[in-house]
Amino acid sequence: MNIHQYYEVDIVNGPGTRCTLFVAGCEHQCPGCYNKSTWRLNSGVPFTIQMEERLLRDLRDTRIPRQGLSLSGGDPLHPANVPDVLRLVKRVRRECPDKDIWLWTGYSLDQLSAAQRQVVDEINVLVDGKFIQALKDPMLPWRGSSNQVIHYLR
C-alpha cells in the first residue's frame, strides 16, 4: 500500500485530536474530488513498517492525547489496500483499544465485498458514498456531499 500524507496531529478529519493517514488508490475518481493526486495506486510513497510503528507511537503519545485514527485517501477500501488496512486496523484495535477508528470510502456499505467488510468490522465509524459535486455542502460535518452517510458502528 502507498500513502500520500500522514498527519501525526490532526483536528480536521474526525472528532478530537487524531492521527490521519491518506492512502493512495481510488477507483471512484469523483468529479470535484479535492484529493485527485491520491487516485493512482502507485502514487505517493510505500507504507512501511517504520511508518506503522510511528503511527502507533503517536497514538500512544500522552503529551498530545489522540482520540483515534482517521483513514482517508484515495480510498482505504480500494481492493488493493484492503489487506494492509485490515492489518493496520486490527493492530490499532489490539494495541490502542481506547482509540476510535474512522474510515472514509467511496463505496456504499451495501457494495462492500467480504474482505472490505472485515475492515469495517474493526472500525468505529464509516463515512461512505461517492462525493457528488451537485450535492456538495461545506456545512456538513465529516463529509463533502449530502449523499454520504456517517455510520456509527460501535
C-alpha atoms as a PDB file:
ATOM      1  CA  MET A   1       0.000   0.000   0.000  1.00  0.00           C
ATOM      2  CA  ASN A   2       1.150   3.514  -0.745  1.00  0.00           C
ATOM      3  CA  ILE A   3       0.302   6.631   1.211  1.00  0.00           C
ATOM      4  CA  HIS A   4       0.233  10.302   0.323  1.00  0.00           C
ATOM      5  CA  GLN A   5       0.168  12.024   3.645  1.00  0.00           C
ATOM      6  CA  TYR A   6       0.345  11.306   7.338  1.00  0.00           C
ATOM      7  CA  TYR A   7      -0.688  13.878   9.924  1.00  0.00           C
ATOM      8  CA  GLU A   8       0.502  12.971  13.403  1.00  0.00           C
ATOM      9  CA  VAL A   9      -1.750  15.688  14.856  1.00  0.00           C
ATOM     10  CA  ASP A  10      -4.999  16.446  13.024  1.00  0.00           C
ATOM     11  CA  ILE A  11      -8.163  18.213  14.190  1.00  0.00           C
ATOM     12  CA  VAL A  12      -9.994  18.293  10.841  1.00  0.00           C
ATOM     13  CA  ASN A  13     -10.616  14.678   9.798  1.00  0.00           C
ATOM     14  CA  GLY A  14     -12.867  13.435  12.572  1.00  0.00           C
ATOM     15  CA  PRO A  15     -13.628  14.451  16.133  1.00  0.00           C
ATOM     16  CA  GLY A  16     -10.940  15.442  18.612  1.00  0.00           C
ATOM     17  CA  THR A  17      -7.223  15.302  18.012  1.00  0.00           C
ATOM     18  CA  ARG A  18      -6.293  12.402  15.728  1.00  0.00           C
ATOM     19  CA  CYS A  19      -3.657  10.744  13.609  1.00  0.00           C
ATOM     20  CA  THR A  20      -4.723  10.770   9.954  1.00  0.00           C
ATOM     21  CA  LEU A  21      -3.416   8.646   7.107  1.00  0.00           C
ATOM     22  CA  PHE A  22      -4.222   9.350   3.444  1.00  0.00           C
ATOM     23  CA  VAL A  23      -3.715   6.256   1.273  1.00  0.00           C
ATOM     24  CA  ALA A  24      -3.177   6.031  -2.487  1.00  0.00           C
ATOM     25  CA  GLY A  25      -5.642   4.460  -4.892  1.00  0.00           C
ATOM     26  CA  CYS A  26      -9.242   5.264  -5.740  1.00  0.00           C
ATOM     27  CA  GLU A  27     -11.447   3.633  -8.354  1.00  0.00           C
ATOM     28  CA  HIS A  28     -14.269   6.177  -7.965  1.00  0.00           C
ATOM     29  CA  GLN A  29     -12.464   9.268  -9.275  1.00  0.00           C
ATOM     30  CA  CYS A  30     -15.365  11.536  -8.387  1.00  0.00           C
ATOM     31  CA  PRO A  31     -15.645  14.797 -10.344  1.00  0.00           C
ATOM     32  CA  GLY A  32     -14.767  17.638  -7.990  1.00  0.00           C
ATOM     33  CA  CYS A  33     -12.656  15.456  -5.701  1.00  0.00           C
ATOM     34  CA  TYR A  34     -10.368  17.585  -3.546  1.00  0.00           C
ATOM     35  CA  ASN A  35      -7.698  14.883  -3.453  1.00  0.00           C
ATOM     36  CA  LYS A  36      -7.154  13.795  -7.072  1.00  0.00           C
ATOM     37  CA  SER A  37      -3.433  13.300  -6.500  1.00  0.00           C
ATOM     38  CA  THR A  38      -4.268  10.169  -4.479  1.00  0.00           C
ATOM     39  CA  TRP A  39      -6.184   8.334  -7.218  1.00  0.00           C
ATOM     40  CA  ARG A  40      -3.303   6.284  -8.657  1.00  0.00           C
ATOM     41  CA  LEU A  41      -2.328   3.210  -6.644  1.00  0.00           C
ATOM     42  CA  ASN A  42       1.347   3.636  -7.459  1.00  0.00           C
ATOM     43  CA  SER A  43       1.475   7.289  -6.398  1.00  0.00           C
ATOM     44  CA  GLY A  44       2.814   8.510  -3.087  1.00  0.00           C
ATOM     45  CA  VAL A  45       5.292   6.507  -1.024  1.00  0.00           C
ATOM     46  CA  PRO A  46       5.182   2.985   0.403  1.00  0.00           C
ATOM     47  CA  PHE A  47       3.565   2.495   3.801  1.00  0.00           C
ATOM     48  CA  THR A  48       6.457   0.885   5.632  1.00  0.00           C
ATOM     49  CA  ILE A  49       6.647  -0.940   8.945  1.00  0.00           C
ATOM     50  CA  GLN A  50       8.598   2.082  10.230  1.00  0.00           C
ATOM     51  CA  MET A  51       5.683   4.337   9.305  1.00  0.00           C
ATOM     52  CA  GLU A  52       3.267   1.942  11.009  1.00  0.00           C
ATOM     53  CA  GLU A  53       5.410   1.938  14.169  1.00  0.00           C
ATOM     54  CA  ARG A  54       5.491   5.745  14.144  1.00  0.00           C
ATOM     55  CA  LEU A  55       1.701   5.900  13.797  1.00  0.00           C
ATOM     56  CA  LEU A  56       1.236   3.551  16.782  1.00  0.00           C
ATOM     57  CA  ARG A  57       3.729   5.554  18.869  1.00  0.00           C
ATOM     58  CA  ASP A  58       1.845   8.740  18.014  1.00  0.00           C
ATOM     59  CA  LEU A  59      -1.486   7.179  19.036  1.00  0.00           C
ATOM     60  CA  ARG A  60       0.036   6.216  22.413  1.00  0.00           C
ATOM     61  CA  ASP A  61       1.770   9.587  22.952  1.00  0.00           C
ATOM     62  CA  THR A  62       0.448  11.053  26.207  1.00  0.00           C
ATOM     63  CA  ARG A  63       1.954  14.510  25.578  1.00  0.00           C
ATOM     64  CA  ILE A  64      -0.631  15.074  22.819  1.00  0.00           C
ATOM     65  CA  PRO A  65      -3.526  12.706  23.537  1.00  0.00           C
ATOM     66  CA  ARG A  66      -5.219  11.465  20.379  1.00  0.00           C
ATOM     67  CA  GLN A  67      -8.826  10.344  20.259  1.00  0.00           C
ATOM     68  CA  GLY A  68      -8.098   7.998  17.388  1.00  0.00           C
ATOM     69  CA  LEU A  69      -7.067   7.235  13.847  1.00  0.00           C
ATOM     70  CA  SER A  70      -8.647   8.525  10.637  1.00  0.00           C
ATOM     71  CA  LEU A  71      -8.139   6.693   7.333  1.00  0.00           C
ATOM     72  CA  SER A  72      -8.870   8.525   4.099  1.00  0.00           C
ATOM     73  CA  GLY A  73      -7.382   8.858   0.671  1.00  0.00           C
ATOM     74  CA  GLY A  74      -7.672   7.847  -2.083  1.00  0.00           C
ATOM     75  CA  ASP A  75      -9.795   5.046  -0.711  1.00  0.00           C
ATOM     76  CA  PRO A  76      -8.690   2.827   2.162  1.00  0.00           C
ATOM     77  CA  LEU A  77     -11.167   0.201   0.910  1.00  0.00           C
ATOM     78  CA  HIS A  78      -9.706   0.060  -2.596  1.00  0.00           C
ATOM     79  CA  PRO A  79      -9.305  -3.713  -3.105  1.00  0.00           C
ATOM     80  CA  ALA A  80      -5.520  -3.382  -3.340  1.00  0.00           C
ATOM     81  CA  ASN A  81      -5.401  -1.540   0.015  1.00  0.00           C
ATOM     82  CA  VAL A  82      -7.678  -3.845   1.990  1.00  0.00           C
ATOM     83  CA  PRO A  83      -5.038  -6.361   3.211  1.00  0.00           C
ATOM     84  CA  ASP A  84      -2.752  -3.631   4.607  1.00  0.00           C
ATOM     85  CA  VAL A  85      -5.607  -1.563   6.014  1.00  0.00           C
ATOM     86  CA  LEU A  86      -7.076  -4.647   7.705  1.00  0.00           C
ATOM     87  CA  ARG A  87      -3.741  -5.486   9.308  1.00  0.00           C
ATOM     88  CA  LEU A  88      -3.355  -1.875  10.477  1.00  0.00           C
ATOM     89  CA  VAL A  89      -6.838  -1.506  11.980  1.00  0.00           C
ATOM     90  CA  LYS A  90      -6.549  -4.854  13.754  1.00  0.00           C
ATOM     91  CA  ARG A  91      -3.243  -3.761  15.232  1.00  0.00           C
ATOM     92  CA  VAL A  92      -4.624  -0.387  16.329  1.00  0.00           C
ATOM     93  CA  ARG A  93      -7.649  -2.116  17.865  1.00  0.00           C
ATOM     94  CA  ARG A  94      -5.372  -4.571  19.722  1.00  0.00           C
ATOM     95  CA  GLU A  95      -2.640  -2.153  20.869  1.00  0.00           C
ATOM     96  CA  CYS A  96      -4.703   1.014  21.349  1.00  0.00           C
ATOM     97  CA  PRO A  97      -8.158  -0.241  22.414  1.00  0.00           C
ATOM     98  CA  ASP A  98      -9.105   3.169  23.813  1.00  0.00           C
ATOM     99  CA  LYS A  99      -8.735   4.851  20.385  1.00  0.00           C
ATOM    100  CA  ASP A 100     -11.513   5.089  17.811  1.00  0.00           C
ATOM    101  CA  ILE A 101     -11.020   4.451  14.094  1.00  0.00           C
ATOM    102  CA  TRP A 102     -12.801   6.458  11.386  1.00  0.00           C
ATOM    103  CA  LEU A 103     -12.645   5.488   7.711  1.00  0.00           C
ATOM    104  CA  TRP A 104     -13.837   7.288   4.566  1.00  0.00           C
ATOM    105  CA  THR A 105     -14.697   5.345   1.410  1.00  0.00           C
ATOM    106  CA  GLY A 106     -16.412   5.991  -1.901  1.00  0.00           C
ATOM    107  CA  TYR A 107     -18.115   2.603  -1.695  1.00  0.00           C
ATOM    108  CA  SER A 108     -21.510   2.418  -0.029  1.00  0.00           C
ATOM    109  CA  LEU A 109     -21.976  -0.037   2.818  1.00  0.00           C
ATOM    110  CA  ASP A 110     -24.169  -2.314   0.693  1.00  0.00           C
ATOM    111  CA  GLN A 111     -21.492  -2.522  -2.058  1.00  0.00           C
ATOM    112  CA  LEU A 112     -18.716  -3.860   0.152  1.00  0.00           C
ATOM    113  CA  SER A 113     -17.052  -7.185  -0.554  1.00  0.00           C
ATOM    114  CA  ALA A 114     -16.462  -9.738   2.194  1.00  0.00           C
ATOM    115  CA  ALA A 115     -12.846  -8.563   2.506  1.00  0.00           C
ATOM    116  CA  GLN A 116     -13.874  -4.911   2.789  1.00  0.00           C
ATOM    117  CA  ARG A 117     -16.457  -5.850   5.438  1.00  0.00           C
ATOM    118  CA  GLN A 118     -13.679  -7.399   7.525  1.00  0.00           C
ATOM    119  CA  VAL A 119     -12.105  -3.936   7.740  1.00  0.00           C
ATOM    120  CA  VAL A 120     -15.447  -2.326   8.587  1.00  0.00           C
ATOM    121  CA  ASP A 121     -15.941  -4.874  11.380  1.00  0.00           C
ATOM    122  CA  GLU A 122     -12.834  -3.435  13.090  1.00  0.00           C
ATOM    123  CA  ILE A 123     -13.620   0.293  12.893  1.00  0.00           C
ATOM    124  CA  ASN A 124     -15.877   2.613  14.857  1.00  0.00           C
ATOM    125  CA  VAL A 125     -17.185   4.945  12.167  1.00  0.00           C
ATOM    126  CA  LEU A 126     -17.569   4.555   8.404  1.00  0.00           C
ATOM    127  CA  VAL A 127     -18.288   7.538   6.175  1.00  0.00           C
ATOM    128  CA  ASP A 128     -19.451   6.041   2.898  1.00  0.00           C
ATOM    129  CA  GLY A 129     -20.533   7.098  -0.568  1.00  0.00           C
ATOM    130  CA  LYS A 130     -19.016   8.818  -3.541  1.00  0.00           C
ATOM    131  CA  PHE A 131     -18.544  12.563  -3.472  1.00  0.00           C
ATOM    132  CA  ILE A 132     -21.213  14.121  -5.708  1.00  0.00           C
ATOM    133  CA  GLN A 133     -20.392  17.669  -6.745  1.00  0.00           C
ATOM    134  CA  ALA A 134     -24.060  18.664  -7.202  1.00  0.00           C
ATOM    135  CA  LEU A 135     -24.709  17.641  -3.567  1.00  0.00           C
ATOM    136  CA  LYS A 136     -21.623  19.381  -2.148  1.00  0.00           C
ATOM    137  CA  ASP A 137     -22.319  21.026   1.190  1.00  0.00           C
ATOM    138  CA  PRO A 138     -19.397  22.590   3.097  1.00  0.00           C
ATOM    139  CA  MET A 139     -21.574  22.848   6.212  1.00  0.00           C
ATOM    140  CA  LEU A 140     -21.843  19.075   6.644  1.00  0.00           C
ATOM    141  CA  PRO A 141     -19.643  17.647   9.372  1.00  0.00           C
ATOM    142  CA  TRP A 142     -17.148  14.964   8.287  1.00  0.00           C
ATOM    143  CA  ARG A 143     -18.384  14.639   4.684  1.00  0.00           C
ATOM    144  CA  GLY A 144     -18.356  16.575   1.429  1.00  0.00           C
ATOM    145  CA  SER A 145     -21.760  15.879  -0.116  1.00  0.00           C
ATOM    146  CA  SER A 146     -25.189  15.196   1.339  1.00  0.00           C
ATOM    147  CA  ASN A 147     -25.469  11.684  -0.130  1.00  0.00           C
ATOM    148  CA  GLN A 148     -22.594  10.463   2.024  1.00  0.00           C
ATOM    149  CA  VAL A 149     -23.625   8.672   5.217  1.00  0.00           C
ATOM    150  CA  ILE A 150     -21.915   8.522   8.598  1.00  0.00           C
ATOM    151  CA  HIS A 151     -22.337   5.044  10.074  1.00  0.00           C
ATOM    152  CA  TYR A 152     -21.606   4.836  13.805  1.00  0.00           C
ATOM    153  CA  LEU A 153     -20.732   1.159  14.110  1.00  0.00           C
ATOM    154  CA  ARG A 154     -19.577   0.770  17.709  1.00  0.00           C
END
